[in-house]
N, C-alpha and C. Protein backbone atom coordinates (compact mmCIF):
# COMPACT_ATOMS: atom_id res chain seq x y z
N UNK A 1 -97.16 87.15 205.50
CA UNK A 1 -97.32 86.01 206.26
C UNK A 1 -96.16 85.00 205.97
N UNK A 2 -95.47 84.55 206.90
CA UNK A 2 -94.25 83.65 206.74
C UNK A 2 -94.73 81.91 207.38
N UNK A 3 -94.33 81.28 206.54
CA UNK A 3 -94.65 79.93 207.02
C UNK A 3 -93.68 79.55 207.92
N UNK A 4 -94.06 78.85 209.17
CA UNK A 4 -93.15 78.35 210.05
C UNK A 4 -93.14 76.76 209.98
N UNK A 5 -91.87 76.14 210.46
CA UNK A 5 -91.61 74.89 210.58
C UNK A 5 -92.43 74.18 211.62
N UNK A 6 -92.54 73.05 211.43
CA UNK A 6 -93.52 72.13 212.28
C UNK A 6 -92.29 71.33 213.27
N UNK A 7 -92.18 71.90 214.45
CA UNK A 7 -90.96 71.24 215.08
C UNK A 7 -91.59 69.97 215.74
N UNK A 8 -92.89 69.60 215.66
CA UNK A 8 -93.30 68.46 216.01
C UNK A 8 -93.52 67.34 214.87
N UNK A 9 -92.76 67.48 213.77
CA UNK A 9 -92.98 66.67 212.80
C UNK A 9 -92.44 65.24 212.93
N UNK A 10 -93.01 64.24 212.53
CA UNK A 10 -92.72 62.69 212.88
C UNK A 10 -91.60 62.32 211.90
N UNK A 11 -91.31 63.06 210.81
CA UNK A 11 -90.59 62.68 209.70
C UNK A 11 -89.17 63.19 210.23
N UNK A 12 -88.16 62.31 210.23
CA UNK A 12 -86.84 62.47 210.62
C UNK A 12 -86.19 63.35 209.66
N UNK A 13 -86.33 63.19 208.27
CA UNK A 13 -85.82 63.84 207.20
C UNK A 13 -86.29 65.26 207.09
N UNK A 14 -87.41 65.58 207.37
CA UNK A 14 -88.00 66.85 207.84
C UNK A 14 -87.49 67.59 208.86
N UNK A 15 -87.33 66.87 209.83
CA UNK A 15 -86.59 67.58 210.97
C UNK A 15 -85.22 67.93 210.74
N UNK A 16 -84.57 67.14 210.04
CA UNK A 16 -83.06 67.38 209.59
C UNK A 16 -82.86 68.62 208.59
N UNK A 17 -83.96 68.84 207.60
CA UNK A 17 -84.01 69.81 206.74
C UNK A 17 -84.39 71.17 207.35
N UNK A 18 -85.19 71.10 208.51
CA UNK A 18 -85.46 72.11 209.29
C UNK A 18 -84.12 72.74 209.96
N UNK A 19 -83.45 71.89 210.38
CA UNK A 19 -82.32 72.37 211.28
C UNK A 19 -81.27 72.97 210.19
N UNK A 20 -80.94 72.43 208.98
CA UNK A 20 -80.28 72.86 207.97
C UNK A 20 -80.85 74.28 207.51
N UNK A 21 -81.89 74.49 207.50
CA UNK A 21 -82.55 75.84 207.16
C UNK A 21 -82.19 76.81 208.12
N UNK A 22 -82.40 76.46 209.35
CA UNK A 22 -82.17 77.51 210.47
C UNK A 22 -80.55 77.81 210.46
N UNK A 23 -79.68 76.94 210.19
CA UNK A 23 -78.33 77.05 210.16
C UNK A 23 -77.76 78.00 208.90
N UNK A 24 -78.52 77.93 207.96
CA UNK A 24 -78.28 78.56 206.79
C UNK A 24 -78.83 79.97 206.61
N UNK A 25 -79.70 80.35 207.70
CA UNK A 25 -80.27 81.75 207.71
C UNK A 25 -79.24 82.78 207.58
N UNK A 26 -78.27 82.82 208.33
CA UNK A 26 -77.27 84.13 208.31
C UNK A 26 -76.74 84.15 207.03
N UNK A 27 -76.46 83.07 206.32
CA UNK A 27 -75.89 83.27 204.82
C UNK A 27 -76.88 83.74 203.86
N UNK A 28 -78.20 83.48 203.94
CA UNK A 28 -79.32 83.90 203.05
C UNK A 28 -79.43 85.30 203.36
N UNK A 29 -79.58 85.68 204.66
CA UNK A 29 -79.71 87.14 205.05
C UNK A 29 -78.68 87.91 204.34
N UNK A 30 -77.40 87.56 204.55
CA UNK A 30 -76.26 88.33 204.00
C UNK A 30 -76.19 88.40 202.59
N UNK A 31 -76.75 87.34 201.71
CA UNK A 31 -76.84 87.28 200.34
C UNK A 31 -78.04 88.37 199.90
N UNK A 32 -78.95 88.30 200.54
CA UNK A 32 -80.12 89.09 200.27
C UNK A 32 -79.96 90.67 200.53
N UNK A 33 -79.03 91.00 201.46
CA UNK A 33 -78.46 92.20 201.81
C UNK A 33 -77.57 92.69 200.64
N UNK A 34 -76.69 91.86 200.37
CA UNK A 34 -75.74 92.27 199.30
C UNK A 34 -76.43 92.44 198.08
N UNK A 35 -77.28 91.60 197.68
CA UNK A 35 -78.19 91.88 196.37
C UNK A 35 -79.02 93.06 196.33
N UNK A 36 -79.61 93.41 197.60
CA UNK A 36 -80.21 94.71 197.52
C UNK A 36 -79.30 95.85 197.44
N UNK A 37 -78.19 95.80 198.13
CA UNK A 37 -77.12 96.84 198.10
C UNK A 37 -76.73 96.93 196.57
N UNK A 38 -76.39 95.95 195.83
CA UNK A 38 -76.05 96.05 194.66
C UNK A 38 -77.08 96.65 193.58
N UNK A 39 -78.22 96.25 193.78
CA UNK A 39 -79.28 96.73 193.10
C UNK A 39 -79.55 98.29 193.39
N UNK A 40 -79.46 98.72 194.41
CA UNK A 40 -79.43 100.01 194.94
C UNK A 40 -78.26 101.00 194.18
N UNK A 41 -77.13 100.25 194.16
CA UNK A 41 -76.01 101.12 193.52
C UNK A 41 -76.23 101.28 192.06
N UNK A 42 -76.60 100.10 191.27
CA UNK A 42 -76.88 100.14 190.01
C UNK A 42 -77.90 101.06 189.54
N UNK A 43 -79.02 101.10 190.46
CA UNK A 43 -79.97 102.20 189.99
C UNK A 43 -79.49 103.65 190.23
N UNK A 44 -78.77 103.79 191.10
CA UNK A 44 -78.15 105.25 191.45
C UNK A 44 -77.22 105.59 190.21
N UNK A 45 -76.56 104.49 189.61
CA UNK A 45 -75.41 104.99 188.61
C UNK A 45 -75.98 105.16 187.42
N UNK A 46 -76.84 104.41 186.87
CA UNK A 46 -77.51 104.46 185.72
C UNK A 46 -78.77 105.37 185.61
N UNK A 47 -78.88 106.38 184.53
CA UNK A 47 -79.95 107.03 184.70
C UNK A 47 -81.10 106.25 183.92
N UNK A 48 -82.27 106.55 184.26
CA UNK A 48 -83.37 105.86 183.56
C UNK A 48 -83.31 105.94 182.14
N UNK A 49 -83.12 107.29 181.48
CA UNK A 49 -83.03 107.47 180.03
C UNK A 49 -81.66 108.03 179.74
N UNK A 50 -80.88 107.43 179.07
CA UNK A 50 -79.59 107.93 178.48
C UNK A 50 -79.69 109.32 177.75
N UNK A 51 -80.77 109.17 176.82
CA UNK A 51 -81.04 110.30 176.01
C UNK A 51 -82.21 110.96 176.24
N UNK A 52 -82.39 112.29 175.85
CA UNK A 52 -83.48 113.13 176.21
C UNK A 52 -83.99 113.62 174.94
N UNK A 53 -84.44 112.70 174.20
CA UNK A 53 -84.91 113.25 172.80
C UNK A 53 -85.82 114.51 172.75
N UNK A 54 -86.60 114.58 173.79
CA UNK A 54 -87.62 115.81 173.82
C UNK A 54 -87.17 116.86 174.62
N UNK A 55 -85.91 116.85 175.22
CA UNK A 55 -85.28 117.93 176.05
C UNK A 55 -86.41 118.13 177.20
N UNK A 56 -86.89 117.09 177.87
CA UNK A 56 -87.78 117.46 178.94
C UNK A 56 -87.08 117.35 180.19
N UNK A 57 -87.15 118.27 181.12
CA UNK A 57 -86.61 118.19 182.31
C UNK A 57 -87.65 118.61 183.66
N UNK A 58 -87.29 118.35 184.60
CA UNK A 58 -87.96 118.60 185.76
C UNK A 58 -87.25 119.72 186.65
N UNK A 59 -87.77 120.72 187.02
CA UNK A 59 -87.08 121.80 187.78
C UNK A 59 -88.00 122.30 188.83
N UNK A 60 -87.44 122.76 189.77
CA UNK A 60 -88.11 123.47 190.90
C UNK A 60 -88.66 124.85 190.57
N UNK A 61 -89.89 125.20 190.89
CA UNK A 61 -90.58 126.25 190.32
C UNK A 61 -89.93 127.64 190.67
N UNK A 62 -88.98 127.68 191.64
CA UNK A 62 -88.05 128.88 192.05
C UNK A 62 -86.91 128.83 190.76
N UNK A 63 -86.63 127.87 190.27
CA UNK A 63 -85.44 127.82 189.40
C UNK A 63 -85.92 128.34 187.96
N UNK A 64 -87.11 128.33 187.63
CA UNK A 64 -87.49 128.81 186.29
C UNK A 64 -87.27 130.14 185.93
N UNK A 65 -86.56 130.50 184.82
CA UNK A 65 -86.43 132.12 184.38
C UNK A 65 -87.44 132.50 183.60
N UNK A 66 -87.37 133.85 183.25
CA UNK A 66 -88.48 134.43 182.54
C UNK A 66 -88.46 133.99 181.14
N UNK A 67 -87.42 133.59 180.49
CA UNK A 67 -87.38 133.11 179.19
C UNK A 67 -88.15 131.73 178.97
N UNK A 68 -87.91 130.81 179.98
CA UNK A 68 -88.60 129.56 179.95
C UNK A 68 -90.14 129.79 180.23
N UNK A 69 -90.56 130.79 180.95
CA UNK A 69 -92.05 130.79 181.19
C UNK A 69 -92.59 131.53 179.76
N UNK A 70 -91.88 132.36 179.10
CA UNK A 70 -92.29 132.98 178.03
C UNK A 70 -92.63 131.76 176.93
N UNK A 71 -91.52 131.09 176.80
CA UNK A 71 -91.76 129.97 175.96
C UNK A 71 -92.84 129.09 176.14
N UNK A 72 -92.82 128.76 177.31
CA UNK A 72 -94.03 127.74 177.62
C UNK A 72 -95.43 128.36 177.50
N UNK A 73 -95.55 129.66 177.79
CA UNK A 73 -96.84 130.37 177.43
C UNK A 73 -97.01 130.56 175.98
N UNK A 74 -96.11 130.66 175.16
CA UNK A 74 -96.28 130.76 173.80
C UNK A 74 -96.50 129.54 173.10
N UNK A 75 -95.82 128.46 173.59
CA UNK A 75 -96.10 127.04 173.30
C UNK A 75 -97.56 126.56 173.50
N UNK A 76 -97.88 127.03 174.65
CA UNK A 76 -99.24 126.68 175.04
C UNK A 76 -100.32 127.41 174.05
N UNK A 77 -100.04 128.50 173.80
CA UNK A 77 -101.03 129.35 172.98
C UNK A 77 -101.05 128.70 171.52
N UNK A 78 -100.01 128.32 171.04
CA UNK A 78 -100.00 127.62 169.71
C UNK A 78 -100.48 126.38 169.80
N UNK A 79 -100.47 125.61 170.94
CA UNK A 79 -101.03 124.10 171.10
C UNK A 79 -102.62 124.54 171.24
N UNK A 80 -103.13 125.41 171.87
CA UNK A 80 -104.32 125.76 172.05
C UNK A 80 -105.01 126.17 170.82
N UNK A 81 -104.33 127.02 169.95
CA UNK A 81 -104.97 127.31 168.67
C UNK A 81 -104.97 126.30 167.60
N UNK A 82 -104.13 125.31 167.77
CA UNK A 82 -104.08 124.24 166.82
C UNK A 82 -105.30 123.15 167.07
N UNK A 83 -105.65 123.24 168.38
CA UNK A 83 -106.77 122.43 168.88
C UNK A 83 -108.11 122.76 168.46
N UNK A 84 -108.32 124.03 168.00
CA UNK A 84 -109.60 124.63 167.86
C UNK A 84 -109.98 124.36 166.56
């Protein structure tokens, strides 16, 4: 929801501020766009975590080779046995 100015306000100073606000709108829009663009670039340039202490990665199921699957199965077996 956006608050709209009252064009029938009886206060002259209020009407003057409304005119100033309307005239400054393009500048505010450009500043907001520039800020959004710079934030998007900074997010794309910097990884979320610079180090990967646990060597965790996300890969597509088609990219997993047999050695990774065997390691995952053996790890799960050890984990399951330690929980009993």
